[in-house]
Amino acid sequence: MLGSARVAVVVPAYNEARLIARTLHSIPAFVDLVVVVDDASRDDTGCAALRCADARVRVVSHVNNLGVGAAIVTGYARAFEGGADVAAVMAGDAQMDPEDLAGLLAPVLEGRADYAKGDRLSHPNAVYHMPVARLWGNRVLSWLTRLCTGLNLSDSQCGYTALSRAGYERLPLARLWPRYGYPNDLLGLLALHGVRVSDVTVRPVYADEQSGIGARHALLVIPLLLLRVAARRLAAGLMPVVPVAPETGRVAARPRAR
């Protein structure tokens, strides 16, 4: 499946000195480049990443804290400048199962999609492993995201993703919301620019990590971002859509223009 493709992994990290080594040691050997973006951590996240002594790892440090979305944009730029054909995102808190990475990359490397997104909600263990508030919160936000983007997706909030070089070159990532809520804004940009999106079922992993997402993000920030996504679609003359039940693994079609 990998063939001659050059695979990069972007690891956005903020105050992850405790877990960053666990994340980096778990990244599969077929990955060629690992870009850790230290988003102005107050601990020694960057140094902890360098101590892993992995020749694939490059550490980029933000002088100021810009947010997880901005860290991912920085990581994408470094990954594709470094010759990557596809760049996956794995959080620095070891919350993404490395055994799912090959499956996540498959739709992109096989040319069936330009952006693959992890879908925890379709995993049979989701109801057992995901906290109840997150499970139902994600379902509601995913419904709203389908409504506003027109994409046929399941788990809008999953940050375990893979982006092709072609998809990267089509996206105006300078416009991406830089902080929590970026997945919804990014999905809006993908839909607006006709980038093919595919859901891939991944394992939900919850252990001793701490989430930075709170009620304010779920109830205020993300809904406001989705209103902006919907406004962009209407301004572009795209038909509103009625949300449908997602079909895991199916590539979403381009939005239909009037």
C-alpha atoms as a PDB file:
ATOM      1  CA  MET A   1       0.000   0.000   0.000  1.00  0.00           C
ATOM      2  CA  LEU A   2       2.733   2.485   0.955  1.00  0.00           C
ATOM      3  CA  GLY A   3       4.806   1.841  -2.165  1.00  0.00           C
ATOM      4  CA  SER A   4       7.243   4.701  -2.687  1.00  0.00           C
ATOM      5  CA  ALA A   5       5.040   7.255  -0.917  1.00  0.00           C
ATOM      6  CA  ARG A   6       6.788   9.446   1.635  1.00  0.00           C
ATOM      7  CA  VAL A   7       4.710   9.567   4.817  1.00  0.00           C
ATOM      8  CA  ALA A   8       4.953  12.266   7.477  1.00  0.00           C
ATOM      9  CA  VAL A   9       3.268  12.538  10.864  1.00  0.00           C
ATOM     10  CA  VAL A  10       2.539  15.939  12.390  1.00  0.00           C
ATOM     11  CA  VAL A  11       2.400  15.997  16.198  1.00  0.00           C
ATOM     12  CA  PRO A  12       0.931  19.211  17.653  1.00  0.00           C
ATOM     13  CA  ALA A  13       1.913  19.458  21.307  1.00  0.00           C
ATOM     14  CA  TYR A  14       1.294  21.862  24.168  1.00  0.00           C
ATOM     15  CA  ASN A  15       2.534  20.979  27.663  1.00  0.00           C
ATOM     16  CA  GLU A  16       2.875  17.304  26.710  1.00  0.00           C
ATOM     17  CA  ALA A  17       6.290  16.584  28.254  1.00  0.00           C
ATOM     18  CA  ARG A  18       4.775  13.674  30.213  1.00  0.00           C
ATOM     19  CA  LEU A  19       3.276  11.890  27.190  1.00  0.00           C
ATOM     20  CA  ILE A  20       5.202  13.046  24.112  1.00  0.00           C
ATOM     21  CA  ALA A  21       7.810  10.269  24.343  1.00  0.00           C
ATOM     22  CA  ARG A  22       5.059   7.644  24.506  1.00  0.00           C
ATOM     23  CA  THR A  23       3.519   9.129  21.369  1.00  0.00           C
ATOM     24  CA  LEU A  24       6.770   9.311  19.410  1.00  0.00           C
ATOM     25  CA  HIS A  25       7.922   5.813  20.348  1.00  0.00           C
ATOM     26  CA  SER A  26       4.603   4.445  19.090  1.00  0.00           C
ATOM     27  CA  ILE A  27       4.831   5.895  15.563  1.00  0.00           C
ATOM     28  CA  PRO A  28       5.262   3.039  13.048  1.00  0.00           C
ATOM     29  CA  ALA A  29       8.560   2.426  11.286  1.00  0.00           C
ATOM     30  CA  PHE A  30       7.052   3.062   7.832  1.00  0.00           C
ATOM     31  CA  VAL A  31       6.724   6.775   8.681  1.00  0.00           C
ATOM     32  CA  ASP A  32       9.575   8.765   7.092  1.00  0.00           C
ATOM     33  CA  LEU A  33       9.294  12.115   8.888  1.00  0.00           C
ATOM     34  CA  VAL A  34       7.834  13.217  12.233  1.00  0.00           C
ATOM     35  CA  VAL A  35       7.237  16.937  12.783  1.00  0.00           C
ATOM     36  CA  VAL A  36       6.614  17.870  16.418  1.00  0.00           C
ATOM     37  CA  VAL A  37       5.206  21.385  16.776  1.00  0.00           C
ATOM     38  CA  ASP A  38       5.758  22.674  20.298  1.00  0.00           C
ATOM     39  CA  ASP A  39       3.121  25.402  20.643  1.00  0.00           C
ATOM     40  CA  ALA A  40       5.030  27.520  23.195  1.00  0.00           C
ATOM     41  CA  SER A  41       4.693  24.929  25.955  1.00  0.00           C
ATOM     42  CA  ARG A  42       5.392  25.999  29.516  1.00  0.00           C
ATOM     43  CA  ASP A  43       7.100  22.669  30.225  1.00  0.00           C
ATOM     44  CA  ASP A  44       9.964  20.957  28.366  1.00  0.00           C
ATOM     45  CA  THR A  45       7.831  19.320  25.650  1.00  0.00           C
ATOM     46  CA  GLY A  46      10.323  20.204  22.905  1.00  0.00           C
ATOM     47  CA  CYS A  47      13.321  18.865  24.819  1.00  0.00           C
ATOM     48  CA  ALA A  48      11.437  15.706  25.749  1.00  0.00           C
ATOM     49  CA  ALA A  49      10.731  15.121  22.055  1.00  0.00           C
ATOM     50  CA  LEU A  50      14.396  15.555  21.153  1.00  0.00           C
ATOM     51  CA  ARG A  51      15.455  13.163  23.916  1.00  0.00           C
ATOM     52  CA  CYS A  52      13.658  10.369  22.072  1.00  0.00           C
ATOM     53  CA  ALA A  53      16.711  10.244  19.776  1.00  0.00           C
ATOM     54  CA  ASP A  54      14.623   9.344  16.735  1.00  0.00           C
ATOM     55  CA  ALA A  55      16.330  10.493  13.530  1.00  0.00           C
ATOM     56  CA  ARG A  56      12.922  11.042  11.910  1.00  0.00           C
ATOM     57  CA  VAL A  57      11.880  13.668  14.460  1.00  0.00           C
ATOM     58  CA  ARG A  58      12.047  17.382  13.735  1.00  0.00           C
ATOM     59  CA  VAL A  59      10.955  19.817  16.452  1.00  0.00           C
ATOM     60  CA  VAL A  60       9.495  23.194  15.509  1.00  0.00           C
ATOM     61  CA  SER A  61       8.754  25.632  18.344  1.00  0.00           C
ATOM     62  CA  HIS A  62       6.282  28.496  18.318  1.00  0.00           C
ATOM     63  CA  VAL A  63       7.447  31.565  20.233  1.00  0.00           C
ATOM     64  CA  ASN A  64       3.864  32.309  21.271  1.00  0.00           C
ATOM     65  CA  ASN A  65       0.985  29.932  21.892  1.00  0.00           C
ATOM     66  CA  LEU A  66      -1.063  30.050  18.674  1.00  0.00           C
ATOM     67  CA  GLY A  67      -3.429  27.126  19.178  1.00  0.00           C
ATOM     68  CA  VAL A  68      -3.665  23.528  18.020  1.00  0.00           C
ATOM     69  CA  GLY A  69      -5.039  24.442  14.581  1.00  0.00           C
ATOM     70  CA  ALA A  70      -2.137  26.807  13.960  1.00  0.00           C
ATOM     71  CA  ALA A  71       0.328  24.161  15.169  1.00  0.00           C
ATOM     72  CA  ILE A  72      -1.070  21.692  12.648  1.00  0.00           C
ATOM     73  CA  VAL A  73      -0.771  24.251   9.829  1.00  0.00           C
ATOM     74  CA  THR A  74       2.881  24.788  10.792  1.00  0.00           C
ATOM     75  CA  GLY A  75       3.407  21.026  10.848  1.00  0.00           C
ATOM     76  CA  TYR A  76       1.785  20.566   7.433  1.00  0.00           C
ATOM     77  CA  ALA A  77       4.058  23.222   5.945  1.00  0.00           C
ATOM     78  CA  ARG A  78       7.198  21.554   7.316  1.00  0.00           C
ATOM     79  CA  ALA A  79       6.022  18.076   6.328  1.00  0.00           C
ATOM     80  CA  PHE A  80       5.288  18.957   2.702  1.00  0.00           C
ATOM     81  CA  GLU A  81       8.409  21.117   2.439  1.00  0.00           C
ATOM     82  CA  GLY A  82      10.234  17.985   3.598  1.00  0.00           C
ATOM     83  CA  GLY A  83       8.926  16.034   0.622  1.00  0.00           C
ATOM     84  CA  ALA A  84       5.939  14.251   2.161  1.00  0.00           C
ATOM     85  CA  ASP A  85       3.275  12.867  -0.158  1.00  0.00           C
ATOM     86  CA  VAL A  86       0.823  12.546   2.728  1.00  0.00           C
ATOM     87  CA  ALA A  87       0.817  13.999   6.243  1.00  0.00           C
ATOM     88  CA  ALA A  88      -1.092  12.421   9.115  1.00  0.00           C
ATOM     89  CA  VAL A  89      -1.860  14.134  12.423  1.00  0.00           C
ATOM     90  CA  MET A  90      -1.364  12.366  15.742  1.00  0.00           C
ATOM     91  CA  ALA A  91      -1.874  14.302  18.972  1.00  0.00           C
ATOM     92  CA  GLY A  92       0.993  14.560  21.434  1.00  0.00           C
ATOM     93  CA  ASP A  93      -1.021  12.990  24.267  1.00  0.00           C
ATOM     94  CA  ALA A  94      -0.881   9.381  22.984  1.00  0.00           C
ATOM     95  CA  GLN A  95      -4.651   9.359  22.396  1.00  0.00           C
ATOM     96  CA  MET A  96      -4.446   7.902  18.877  1.00  0.00           C
ATOM     97  CA  ASP A  97      -3.762   4.232  18.261  1.00  0.00           C
ATOM     98  CA  PRO A  98      -0.742   3.817  15.930  1.00  0.00           C
ATOM     99  CA  GLU A  99      -2.153   0.509  14.694  1.00  0.00           C
ATOM    100  CA  ASP A 100      -4.872   2.503  12.938  1.00  0.00           C
ATOM    101  CA  LEU A 101      -2.434   4.673  10.983  1.00  0.00           C
ATOM    102  CA  ALA A 102      -2.004   2.390   7.959  1.00  0.00           C
ATOM    103  CA  GLY A 103      -5.768   2.082   7.553  1.00  0.00           C
ATOM    104  CA  LEU A 104      -6.183   5.838   7.870  1.00  0.00           C
ATOM    105  CA  LEU A 105      -3.601   6.427   5.145  1.00  0.00           C
ATOM    106  CA  ALA A 106      -5.111   3.866   2.764  1.00  0.00           C
ATOM    107  CA  PRO A 107      -7.857   6.009   1.126  1.00  0.00           C
ATOM    108  CA  VAL A 108      -5.336   8.779   0.454  1.00  0.00           C
ATOM    109  CA  LEU A 109      -2.528   6.574  -0.841  1.00  0.00           C
ATOM    110  CA  GLU A 110      -4.939   4.600  -3.020  1.00  0.00           C
ATOM    111  CA  GLY A 111      -6.286   7.803  -4.575  1.00  0.00           C
ATOM    112  CA  ARG A 112      -9.829   7.413  -3.206  1.00  0.00           C
ATOM    113  CA  ALA A 113      -9.650  10.575  -1.091  1.00  0.00           C
ATOM    114  CA  ASP A 114      -7.417  13.540  -0.384  1.00  0.00           C
ATOM    115  CA  TYR A 115      -8.354  13.761   3.284  1.00  0.00           C
ATOM    116  CA  ALA A 116      -9.056  10.807   5.551  1.00  0.00           C
ATOM    117  CA  LYS A 117     -10.568  11.385   8.957  1.00  0.00           C
ATOM    118  CA  GLY A 118     -10.765   9.020  11.894  1.00  0.00           C
ATOM    119  CA  ASP A 119     -14.227   7.946  12.993  1.00  0.00           C
ATOM    120  CA  ARG A 120     -14.394   6.762  16.601  1.00  0.00           C
ATOM    121  CA  LEU A 121     -18.184   6.830  16.802  1.00  0.00           C
ATOM    122  CA  SER A 122     -18.555   3.921  14.371  1.00  0.00           C
ATOM    123  CA  HIS A 123     -16.184   1.700  16.329  1.00  0.00           C
ATOM    124  CA  PRO A 124     -18.079  -1.064  18.200  1.00  0.00           C
ATOM    125  CA  ASN A 125     -16.326  -0.149  21.456  1.00  0.00           C
ATOM    126  CA  ALA A 126     -17.214   3.548  21.312  1.00  0.00           C
ATOM    127  CA  VAL A 127     -20.103   3.256  23.758  1.00  0.00           C
ATOM    128  CA  TYR A 128     -17.822   1.500  26.268  1.00  0.00           C
ATOM    129  CA  HIS A 129     -14.628   3.541  25.909  1.00  0.00           C
ATOM    130  CA  MET A 130     -15.819   7.097  25.259  1.00  0.00           C
ATOM    131  CA  PRO A 131     -17.064   9.192  28.183  1.00  0.00           C
ATOM    132  CA  VAL A 132     -20.827   9.627  27.865  1.00  0.00           C
ATOM    133  CA  ALA A 133     -20.682  13.430  27.589  1.00  0.00           C
ATOM    134  CA  ARG A 134     -18.111  13.236  24.802  1.00  0.00           C
ATOM    135  CA  LEU A 135     -19.946  10.490  22.972  1.00  0.00           C
ATOM    136  CA  TRP A 136     -23.244  12.374  22.782  1.00  0.00           C
ATOM    137  CA  GLY A 137     -21.571  15.764  22.396  1.00  0.00           C
ATOM    138  CA  ASN A 138     -19.641  14.453  19.401  1.00  0.00           C
ATOM    139  CA  ARG A 139     -22.790  13.011  17.879  1.00  0.00           C
ATOM    140  CA  VAL A 140     -24.575  16.353  18.113  1.00  0.00           C
ATOM    141  CA  LEU A 141     -21.616  18.317  16.764  1.00  0.00           C
ATOM    142  CA  SER A 142     -21.172  15.809  13.945  1.00  0.00           C
ATOM    143  CA  TRP A 143     -24.836  16.243  12.962  1.00  0.00           C
ATOM    144  CA  LEU A 144     -24.395  20.028  12.902  1.00  0.00           C
ATOM    145  CA  THR A 145     -21.187  19.668  10.889  1.00  0.00           C
ATOM    146  CA  ARG A 146     -22.916  17.489   8.297  1.00  0.00           C
ATOM    147  CA  LEU A 147     -25.656  20.098   8.043  1.00  0.00           C
ATOM    148  CA  CYS A 148     -23.262  23.019   7.564  1.00  0.00           C
ATOM    149  CA  THR A 149     -20.642  21.361   5.329  1.00  0.00           C
ATOM    150  CA  GLY A 150     -22.685  18.918   3.255  1.00  0.00           C
ATOM    151  CA  LEU A 151     -20.086  16.234   3.934  1.00  0.00           C
ATOM    152  CA  ASN A 152     -21.232  12.700   4.651  1.00  0.00           C
ATOM    153  CA  LEU A 153     -19.196  12.113   7.810  1.00  0.00           C
ATOM    154  CA  SER A 154     -19.619  10.617  11.245  1.00  0.00           C
ATOM    155  CA  ASP A 155     -17.114  11.887  13.839  1.00  0.00           C
ATOM    156  CA  SER A 156     -16.395  15.535  13.073  1.00  0.00           C
ATOM    157  CA  GLN A 157     -14.302  16.073  16.209  1.00  0.00           C
ATOM    158  CA  CYS A 158     -11.695  13.359  15.652  1.00  0.00           C
ATOM    159  CA  GLY A 159      -8.247  14.849  15.067  1.00  0.00           C
ATOM    160  CA  TYR A 160      -6.672  11.647  13.733  1.00  0.00           C
ATOM    161  CA  THR A 161      -6.399  12.559  10.038  1.00  0.00           C
ATOM    162  CA  ALA A 162      -4.337  12.247   6.860  1.00  0.00           C
ATOM    163  CA  LEU A 163      -4.005  14.883   4.118  1.00  0.00           C
ATOM    164  CA  SER A 164      -2.527  14.447   0.644  1.00  0.00           C
ATOM    165  CA  ARG A 165      -0.127  16.909  -0.932  1.00  0.00           C
ATOM    166  CA  ALA A 166      -2.754  17.693  -3.592  1.00  0.00           C
ATOM    167  CA  GLY A 167      -5.342  18.411  -0.907  1.00  0.00           C
ATOM    168  CA  TYR A 168      -2.890  20.599   0.997  1.00  0.00           C
ATOM    169  CA  GLU A 169      -2.151  22.654  -2.086  1.00  0.00           C
ATOM    170  CA  ARG A 170      -5.865  23.330  -2.654  1.00  0.00           C
ATOM    171  CA  LEU A 171      -6.631  24.567   0.852  1.00  0.00           C
ATOM    172  CA  PRO A 172      -6.287  28.192   2.043  1.00  0.00           C
ATOM    173  CA  LEU A 173      -4.997  27.110   5.438  1.00  0.00           C
ATOM    174  CA  ALA A 174      -4.096  30.680   6.390  1.00  0.00           C
ATOM    175  CA  ARG A 175      -7.867  31.085   6.925  1.00  0.00           C
ATOM    176  CA  LEU A 176      -8.147  28.124   9.300  1.00  0.00           C
ATOM    177  CA  TRP A 177      -9.417  28.780  12.832  1.00  0.00           C
ATOM    178  CA  PRO A 178      -6.227  28.406  14.918  1.00  0.00           C
ATOM    179  CA  ARG A 179      -7.563  26.944  18.162  1.00  0.00           C
ATOM    180  CA  TYR A 180      -9.965  24.287  19.443  1.00  0.00           C
ATOM    181  CA  GLY A 181     -12.763  23.941  16.930  1.00  0.00           C
ATOM    182  CA  TYR A 182     -10.341  23.829  13.995  1.00  0.00           C
ATOM    183  CA  PRO A 183     -11.612  20.362  12.806  1.00  0.00           C
ATOM    184  CA  ASN A 184     -15.041  21.815  12.021  1.00  0.00           C
ATOM    185  CA  ASP A 185     -13.568  24.827  10.230  1.00  0.00           C
ATOM    186  CA  LEU A 186     -11.177  22.590   8.298  1.00  0.00           C
ATOM    187  CA  LEU A 187     -14.017  20.329   7.191  1.00  0.00           C
ATOM    188  CA  GLY A 188     -15.801  23.434   5.986  1.00  0.00           C
ATOM    189  CA  LEU A 189     -12.773  24.453   3.911  1.00  0.00           C
ATOM    190  CA  LEU A 190     -12.448  20.938   2.511  1.00  0.00           C
ATOM    191  CA  ALA A 191     -16.083  20.961   1.405  1.00  0.00           C
ATOM    192  CA  LEU A 192     -15.889  24.474  -0.008  1.00  0.00           C
ATOM    193  CA  HIS A 193     -12.863  23.613  -2.142  1.00  0.00           C
ATOM    194  CA  GLY A 194     -14.125  20.232  -3.320  1.00  0.00           C
ATOM    195  CA  VAL A 195     -11.484  18.166  -1.539  1.00  0.00           C
ATOM    196  CA  ARG A 196     -12.519  14.507  -1.311  1.00  0.00           C
ATOM    197  CA  VAL A 197     -13.082  13.332   2.260  1.00  0.00           C
ATOM    198  CA  SER A 198     -13.294   9.788   3.618  1.00  0.00           C
ATOM    199  CA  ASP A 199     -14.214   8.445   7.061  1.00  0.00           C
ATOM    200  CA  VAL A 200     -12.090   5.602   8.451  1.00  0.00           C
ATOM    201  CA  THR A 201     -13.090   3.780  11.627  1.00  0.00           C
ATOM    202  CA  VAL A 202     -10.452   4.086  14.372  1.00  0.00           C
ATOM    203  CA  ARG A 203     -10.273   2.938  17.974  1.00  0.00           C
ATOM    204  CA  PRO A 204     -11.401   5.381  20.679  1.00  0.00           C
ATOM    205  CA  VAL A 205      -8.527   5.766  23.159  1.00  0.00           C
ATOM    206  CA  TYR A 206      -9.066   7.398  26.547  1.00  0.00           C
ATOM    207  CA  ALA A 207      -6.527   6.968  29.313  1.00  0.00           C
ATOM    208  CA  ASP A 208      -4.762   9.494  31.565  1.00  0.00           C
ATOM    209  CA  GLU A 209      -4.596  12.384  29.089  1.00  0.00           C
ATOM    210  CA  GLN A 210      -6.322  15.695  29.854  1.00  0.00           C
ATOM    211  CA  SER A 211      -8.582  17.336  27.291  1.00  0.00           C
ATOM    212  CA  GLY A 212      -8.416  21.094  26.715  1.00  0.00           C
ATOM    213  CA  ILE A 213     -11.906  21.137  25.234  1.00  0.00           C
ATOM    214  CA  GLY A 214     -14.610  22.404  27.572  1.00  0.00           C
ATOM    215  CA  ALA A 215     -18.270  23.356  27.532  1.00  0.00           C
ATOM    216  CA  ARG A 216     -17.491  26.799  26.092  1.00  0.00           C
ATOM    217  CA  HIS A 217     -15.998  25.223  22.979  1.00  0.00           C
ATOM    218  CA  ALA A 218     -18.834  22.753  22.506  1.00  0.00           C
ATOM    219  CA  LEU A 219     -21.664  25.192  23.196  1.00  0.00           C
ATOM    220  CA  LEU A 220     -20.304  28.445  21.795  1.00  0.00           C
ATOM    221  CA  VAL A 221     -17.083  28.313  19.785  1.00  0.00           C
ATOM    222  CA  ILE A 222     -17.847  25.349  17.526  1.00  0.00           C
ATOM    223  CA  PRO A 223     -21.466  26.374  16.746  1.00  0.00           C
ATOM    224  CA  LEU A 224     -20.234  29.869  15.810  1.00  0.00           C
ATOM    225  CA  LEU A 225     -17.551  28.361  13.573  1.00  0.00           C
ATOM    226  CA  LEU A 226     -20.175  26.193  11.897  1.00  0.00           C
ATOM    227  CA  LEU A 227     -22.330  29.258  11.249  1.00  0.00           C
ATOM    228  CA  ARG A 228     -19.318  30.780   9.506  1.00  0.00           C
ATOM    229  CA  VAL A 229     -18.878  27.582   7.481  1.00  0.00           C
ATOM    230  CA  ALA A 230     -22.538  27.713   6.419  1.00  0.00           C
ATOM    231  CA  ALA A 231     -22.229  31.408   5.497  1.00  0.00           C
ATOM    232  CA  ARG A 232     -19.220  30.644   3.278  1.00  0.00           C
ATOM    233  CA  ARG A 233     -21.177  27.918   1.491  1.00  0.00           C
ATOM    234  CA  LEU A 234     -24.119  30.204   0.865  1.00  0.00           C
ATOM    235  CA  ALA A 235     -21.814  33.005  -0.325  1.00  0.00           C
ATOM    236  CA  ALA A 236     -20.256  30.543  -2.779  1.00  0.00           C
ATOM    237  CA  GLY A 237     -23.701  29.697  -4.154  1.00  0.00           C
ATOM    238  CA  LEU A 238     -23.767  26.133  -2.855  1.00  0.00           C
ATOM    239  CA  MET A 239     -27.050  24.441  -2.147  1.00  0.00           C
ATOM    240  CA  PRO A 240     -27.982  23.921   1.511  1.00  0.00           C
ATOM    241  CA  VAL A 241     -28.099  20.254   2.397  1.00  0.00           C
ATOM    242  CA  VAL A 242     -30.181  18.093   4.684  1.00  0.00           C
ATOM    243  CA  PRO A 243     -27.983  15.993   6.987  1.00  0.00           C
ATOM    244  CA  VAL A 244     -28.100  12.276   6.339  1.00  0.00           C
ATOM    245  CA  ALA A 245     -26.951   9.289   8.329  1.00  0.00           C
ATOM    246  CA  PRO A 246     -23.208   8.922   7.719  1.00  0.00           C
ATOM    247  CA  GLU A 247     -21.832   5.925   5.882  1.00  0.00           C
ATOM    248  CA  THR A 248     -18.425   5.036   7.270  1.00  0.00           C
ATOM    249  CA  GLY A 249     -15.628   4.862   4.741  1.00  0.00           C
ATOM    250  CA  ARG A 250     -17.623   6.392   1.929  1.00  0.00           C
ATOM    251  CA  VAL A 251     -15.978   9.236   0.050  1.00  0.00           C
ATOM    252  CA  ALA A 252     -18.081  12.370   0.152  1.00  0.00           C
ATOM    253  CA  ALA A 253     -18.996  13.925  -3.156  1.00  0.00           C
ATOM    254  CA  ARG A 254     -18.316  17.530  -4.007  1.00  0.00           C
ATOM    255  CA  PRO A 255     -21.020  19.977  -2.954  1.00  0.00           C
ATOM    256  CA  ARG A 256     -23.542  20.692  -5.692  1.00  0.00           C
ATOM    257  CA  ALA A 257     -23.499  24.222  -7.099  1.00  0.00           C
ATOM    258  CA  ARG A 258     -26.665  26.028  -8.109  1.00  0.00           C
END
